[in-house]
N, C-alpha and C. Protein backbone atom coordinates (compact mmCIF):
# COMPACT_ATOMS: atom_id res chain seq x y z
N UNK A 1 -18.59 22.67 -15.40
CA UNK A 1 -17.75 22.57 -14.24
C UNK A 1 -16.53 21.70 -15.22
N UNK A 2 -16.52 20.90 -15.60
CA UNK A 2 -15.92 19.77 -16.53
C UNK A 2 -14.92 20.60 -17.42
N UNK A 3 -15.64 21.68 -17.69
CA UNK A 3 -14.82 22.46 -18.77
C UNK A 3 -14.04 23.31 -18.45
N UNK A 4 -14.39 23.77 -17.19
CA UNK A 4 -13.45 25.00 -16.46
C UNK A 4 -12.57 24.09 -15.99
N UNK A 5 -12.69 22.85 -15.44
CA UNK A 5 -11.39 21.87 -14.80
C UNK A 5 -10.51 22.10 -16.46
N UNK A 6 -11.40 21.12 -17.14
CA UNK A 6 -10.15 20.79 -18.68
C UNK A 6 -9.63 22.06 -18.95
N UNK A 7 -10.06 22.86 -19.07
CA UNK A 7 -9.20 24.52 -19.40
C UNK A 7 -8.21 24.76 -18.59
N UNK A 8 -8.64 24.22 -17.35
CA UNK A 8 -7.36 24.87 -16.28
C UNK A 8 -6.07 23.87 -16.25
N UNK A 9 -6.85 22.33 -16.54
CA UNK A 9 -5.56 21.41 -16.83
C UNK A 9 -5.31 21.75 -18.17
N UNK A 10 -5.58 22.21 -19.09
CA UNK A 10 -4.62 22.19 -20.38
C UNK A 10 -3.92 23.33 -19.81
N UNK A 11 -3.91 24.44 -19.28
CA UNK A 11 -3.30 25.87 -18.71
C UNK A 11 -1.94 25.43 -18.32
N UNK A 12 -2.17 24.38 -17.44
CA UNK A 12 -1.60 23.77 -16.41
C UNK A 12 -0.05 22.90 -17.28
N UNK A 13 -0.60 22.10 -18.04
CA UNK A 13 -0.04 21.13 -18.69
C UNK A 13 1.18 21.68 -19.59
N UNK A 14 0.94 22.91 -20.44
CA UNK A 14 1.92 23.49 -21.14
C UNK A 14 1.99 22.70 -22.43
N UNK A 15 3.09 22.73 -23.12
CA UNK A 15 3.06 21.83 -24.20
C UNK A 15 4.50 21.11 -24.10
N UNK A 16 5.25 20.52 -23.09
CA UNK A 16 5.71 19.71 -22.94
C UNK A 16 5.15 18.31 -22.76
N UNK A 17 6.43 17.14 -22.67
CA UNK A 17 5.80 15.70 -22.06
C UNK A 17 6.58 15.22 -21.31
N UNK A 18 5.45 14.92 -20.30
CA UNK A 18 6.43 14.13 -19.36
C UNK A 18 6.46 12.55 -19.27
N UNK A 19 6.00 12.04 -20.32
CA UNK A 19 5.82 10.53 -20.66
C UNK A 19 7.33 10.09 -20.55
N UNK A 20 8.20 10.77 -21.35
CA UNK A 20 9.68 10.32 -21.21
C UNK A 20 9.91 9.02 -21.54
N UNK A 21 10.90 8.68 -22.13
CA UNK A 21 11.62 7.68 -22.82
C UNK A 21 11.07 6.55 -23.49
N UNK A 22 11.48 5.43 -23.38
CA UNK A 22 10.87 4.39 -24.68
C UNK A 22 10.22 3.41 -23.83
N UNK A 23 9.56 2.85 -24.15
CA UNK A 23 8.81 1.75 -22.84
C UNK A 23 8.90 0.54 -24.28
N UNK A 24 9.15 -0.50 -23.20
CA UNK A 24 8.98 -1.73 -23.88
C UNK A 24 7.75 -2.64 -24.30
N UNK A 25 7.05 -2.38 -23.76
CA UNK A 25 5.78 -3.24 -24.23
C UNK A 25 4.96 -1.92 -24.65
N UNK A 26 3.98 -1.86 -25.72
CA UNK A 26 3.16 -0.96 -26.20
C UNK A 26 2.20 -1.41 -26.84
N UNK A 27 0.78 -0.98 -26.41
CA UNK A 27 -0.61 -1.30 -26.92
C UNK A 27 -1.10 0.14 -27.61
N UNK A 28 -2.20 -0.05 -28.28
CA UNK A 28 -2.69 1.18 -28.87
C UNK A 28 -4.19 0.74 -28.80
N UNK A 29 -4.87 1.39 -28.19
CA UNK A 29 -6.77 1.50 -28.10
C UNK A 29 -6.99 2.84 -28.93
N UNK A 30 -8.09 3.02 -29.62
CA UNK A 30 -8.57 3.61 -30.36
C UNK A 30 -10.24 4.00 -29.58
N UNK A 31 -10.55 5.25 -29.39
CA UNK A 31 -11.78 5.56 -28.73
C UNK A 31 -12.55 6.62 -29.60
N UNK A 32 -14.23 6.10 -29.69
CA UNK A 32 -15.03 7.24 -29.97
C UNK A 32 -15.16 8.14 -28.81
N UNK A 33 -14.78 9.28 -29.03
CA UNK A 33 -15.16 10.31 -27.77
C UNK A 33 -16.28 11.10 -28.50
N UNK A 34 -17.26 11.67 -27.04
CA UNK A 34 -18.05 12.61 -27.53
C UNK A 34 -17.88 13.73 -26.30
N UNK A 35 -17.82 14.71 -26.99
CA UNK A 35 -18.11 16.27 -26.01
C UNK A 35 -17.10 17.16 -26.77
N UNK A 36 -16.39 16.61 -27.98
CA UNK A 36 -15.86 17.93 -28.34
C UNK A 36 -16.42 18.58 -29.17
N UNK A 37 -15.64 20.32 -28.77
CA UNK A 37 -16.56 21.19 -29.23
C UNK A 37 -16.04 21.94 -30.37
N UNK A 38 -14.82 21.67 -30.35
CA UNK A 38 -14.05 22.57 -30.78
C UNK A 38 -12.52 21.72 -31.36
N UNK A 39 -11.40 22.07 -31.82
CA UNK A 39 -10.27 21.96 -31.99
C UNK A 39 -9.59 21.82 -30.79
N UNK A 40 -9.67 22.78 -29.99
CA UNK A 40 -9.00 23.15 -28.76
C UNK A 40 -9.30 21.82 -27.87
N UNK A 41 -10.27 21.26 -27.77
CA UNK A 41 -10.93 20.27 -27.08
C UNK A 41 -9.70 19.14 -27.46
N UNK A 42 -9.97 18.73 -28.83
CA UNK A 42 -8.71 17.58 -28.85
C UNK A 42 -7.63 17.76 -28.66
N UNK A 43 -6.95 19.04 -29.12
CA UNK A 43 -5.72 19.17 -28.59
C UNK A 43 -4.97 19.38 -27.13
N UNK A 44 -6.31 19.69 -26.60
CA UNK A 44 -6.03 19.42 -25.00
C UNK A 44 -6.10 18.33 -24.63
N UNK A 45 -6.71 17.44 -24.80
CA UNK A 45 -6.94 16.17 -24.26
C UNK A 45 -5.67 15.77 -24.70
N UNK A 46 -5.15 15.57 -26.15
CA UNK A 46 -3.54 15.04 -26.53
C UNK A 46 -2.86 15.43 -25.50
N UNK A 47 -2.54 16.68 -25.42
CA UNK A 47 -1.67 17.17 -24.33
C UNK A 47 -1.80 16.45 -23.17
N UNK A 48 -3.01 16.60 -22.52
CA UNK A 48 -3.10 15.96 -21.21
C UNK A 48 -2.82 14.61 -21.08
N UNK A 49 -3.38 13.69 -22.15
CA UNK A 49 -3.26 12.48 -22.26
C UNK A 49 -1.58 12.16 -22.30
N UNK A 50 -0.82 12.74 -23.10
CA UNK A 50 0.67 12.66 -23.24
C UNK A 50 1.43 12.86 -22.14
N UNK A 51 0.87 13.41 -21.01
CA UNK A 51 1.63 13.90 -20.04
C UNK A 51 1.17 12.51 -18.92
N UNK A 52 0.41 11.75 -19.11
CA UNK A 52 0.35 10.81 -18.43
C UNK A 52 1.26 9.76 -18.41
N UNK A 53 2.10 9.12 -17.31
CA UNK A 53 3.23 8.25 -17.35
C UNK A 53 2.54 6.95 -17.89
N UNK A 54 3.54 6.19 -18.76
CA UNK A 54 3.34 5.15 -19.58
C UNK A 54 2.40 5.91 -21.35
N UNK A 55 1.75 6.80 -21.43
CA UNK A 55 1.68 7.06 -22.54
C UNK A 55 2.56 7.72 -23.52
N UNK A 56 3.00 6.91 -24.70
CA UNK A 56 3.84 7.29 -25.78
C UNK A 56 3.51 7.86 -26.91
N UNK A 57 1.91 7.81 -27.12
CA UNK A 57 1.77 8.50 -28.27
C UNK A 57 0.11 8.84 -27.87
N UNK A 58 -0.23 10.30 -28.31
CA UNK A 58 -1.62 10.35 -28.68
C UNK A 58 -2.46 11.05 -29.32
N UNK A 59 -3.11 10.84 -30.06
CA UNK A 59 -3.94 11.63 -31.05
C UNK A 59 -5.32 11.94 -31.38
N UNK A 60 -5.97 12.91 -30.97
CA UNK A 60 -7.34 13.02 -30.76
C UNK A 60 -7.42 13.81 -32.03
N UNK A 61 -8.79 13.74 -32.78
CA UNK A 61 -9.47 14.28 -33.76
C UNK A 61 -11.11 14.74 -33.65
N UNK A 62 -11.00 16.14 -33.82
CA UNK A 62 -12.02 17.05 -33.34
C UNK A 62 -13.09 16.53 -34.67
N UNK A 63 -12.88 16.69 -35.57
CA UNK A 63 -14.32 16.70 -36.84
C UNK A 63 -14.45 15.08 -37.09
N UNK A 64 -14.02 13.69 -36.18
CA UNK A 64 -14.34 12.49 -36.22
C UNK A 64 -14.73 12.11 -34.89
N UNK A 65 -14.09 12.64 -33.97
CA UNK A 65 -14.34 12.22 -32.56
C UNK A 65 -13.37 11.08 -31.63
N UNK A 66 -12.20 11.00 -32.63
CA UNK A 66 -11.57 9.64 -32.37
C UNK A 66 -10.63 10.03 -31.74
N UNK A 67 -9.72 9.31 -30.56
CA UNK A 67 -8.80 9.64 -29.76
C UNK A 67 -7.90 7.94 -30.07
N UNK A 68 -6.41 8.21 -30.85
CA UNK A 68 -6.26 7.22 -30.56
C UNK A 68 -4.87 7.30 -29.24
N UNK A 69 -4.46 6.17 -28.66
CA UNK A 69 -3.72 6.26 -27.79
C UNK A 69 -2.77 5.15 -27.47
N UNK A 70 -1.46 4.91 -27.54
CA UNK A 70 -0.51 4.00 -27.54
C UNK A 70 0.15 3.95 -26.52
N UNK A 71 0.41 3.12 -25.69
CA UNK A 71 0.49 2.74 -24.10
C UNK A 71 1.65 1.71 -23.38
N UNK A 72 1.64 1.74 -22.55
CA UNK A 72 2.52 0.60 -22.07
C UNK A 72 1.41 0.05 -21.02
N UNK A 73 1.09 -1.19 -21.39
CA UNK A 73 0.03 -2.04 -20.59
C UNK A 73 0.35 -2.13 -19.16
N UNK A 74 2.02 -2.36 -18.79
CA UNK A 74 2.56 -2.85 -17.72
C UNK A 74 2.27 -1.56 -16.66
N UNK A 75 1.71 -0.14 -17.09
CA UNK A 75 1.78 0.95 -16.09
C UNK A 75 0.00 1.89 -16.41
N UNK A 76 -0.68 1.38 -17.57
CA UNK A 76 -2.03 1.80 -17.85
C UNK A 76 -2.89 0.69 -18.08
N UNK A 77 -4.03 0.72 -18.07
CA UNK A 77 -5.07 0.03 -18.02
C UNK A 77 -5.95 0.60 -19.14
N UNK A 78 -6.89 0.26 -19.74
CA UNK A 78 -8.02 0.60 -20.52
C UNK A 78 -8.77 1.37 -19.85
N UNK A 79 -9.21 0.29 -18.28
CA UNK A 79 -9.84 1.25 -17.16
C UNK A 79 -9.67 2.76 -16.99
N UNK A 80 -8.28 2.79 -16.66
CA UNK A 80 -7.69 3.82 -16.06
C UNK A 80 -7.37 4.91 -17.54
N UNK A 81 -7.36 4.65 -18.41
CA UNK A 81 -7.64 5.73 -19.67
C UNK A 81 -8.65 6.10 -19.73
N UNK A 82 -9.49 5.34 -19.91
CA UNK A 82 -11.08 5.67 -19.83
C UNK A 82 -11.42 6.80 -18.86
N UNK A 83 -10.97 6.50 -17.35
CA UNK A 83 -11.47 7.14 -16.27
C UNK A 83 -10.78 8.38 -16.53
N UNK A 84 -9.80 8.69 -17.01
CA UNK A 84 -8.97 10.10 -17.19
C UNK A 84 -9.71 11.14 -18.34
N UNK A 85 -10.09 10.32 -19.17
CA UNK A 85 -10.74 10.82 -20.40
C UNK A 85 -11.93 11.32 -19.89
N UNK A 86 -12.90 10.87 -18.61
CA UNK A 86 -14.34 10.86 -18.04
C UNK A 86 -13.71 12.32 -16.96
N UNK A 87 -12.81 11.98 -16.47
CA UNK A 87 -12.41 13.19 -15.95
C UNK A 87 -12.10 14.57 -16.47
N UNK A 88 -11.60 14.30 -17.70
CA UNK A 88 -12.01 15.72 -18.22
C UNK A 88 -12.73 16.12 -19.19
N UNK A 89 -13.80 15.03 -18.95
CA UNK A 89 -15.25 15.94 -19.18
C UNK A 89 -15.82 15.72 -20.50
N UNK A 90 -14.97 14.39 -21.01
CA UNK A 90 -15.80 13.75 -22.20
C UNK A 90 -16.13 12.68 -22.04
N UNK A 91 -16.70 11.55 -23.05
CA UNK A 91 -17.69 10.80 -22.51
C UNK A 91 -16.87 9.55 -24.10
N UNK A 92 -16.33 8.97 -23.36
CA UNK A 92 -16.06 7.62 -24.08
C UNK A 92 -17.11 7.10 -24.57
N UNK A 93 -17.37 7.07 -25.49
CA UNK A 93 -18.72 5.99 -26.24
C UNK A 93 -18.34 4.85 -26.58
N UNK A 94 -17.31 4.21 -27.16
CA UNK A 94 -16.72 2.98 -27.34
C UNK A 94 -15.48 3.23 -28.06
N UNK A 95 -15.02 1.91 -28.29
CA UNK A 95 -13.43 1.53 -28.60
C UNK A 95 -14.03 1.63 -30.50
N UNK A 96 -13.33 2.30 -31.18
CA UNK A 96 -13.47 2.44 -32.53
C UNK A 96 -12.86 1.35 -33.41
C-alpha cells in the first residue's frame, strides 16, 4: 500500500522543483532511512522532498540509506520532515 502511494506521488511530482527562491535561514538534518529497495526509491524521495515548501536541498543515497535535507526552519520542523518521510513509506531510524 505504501509503495503504491509512493510510486503514485513520484509520477505526479515530475522532475521540477516547487521549493523556489532563496530562504533566509537554513538548517540541515541528516537521517538514516530504512526501506530503500532500489535507487529509484532514493531519487523519488529526493524529488518529493524538494517539492516541499521550505526545502532548499535534498539528497538521498540508496546504498548508505542516508537522506540529507537543507531547509528553512521557519517553514518546516524536524518532526514535519520525519512525518513526511514516514508517509512516503520509509522509516526514519535516527539522525546520522
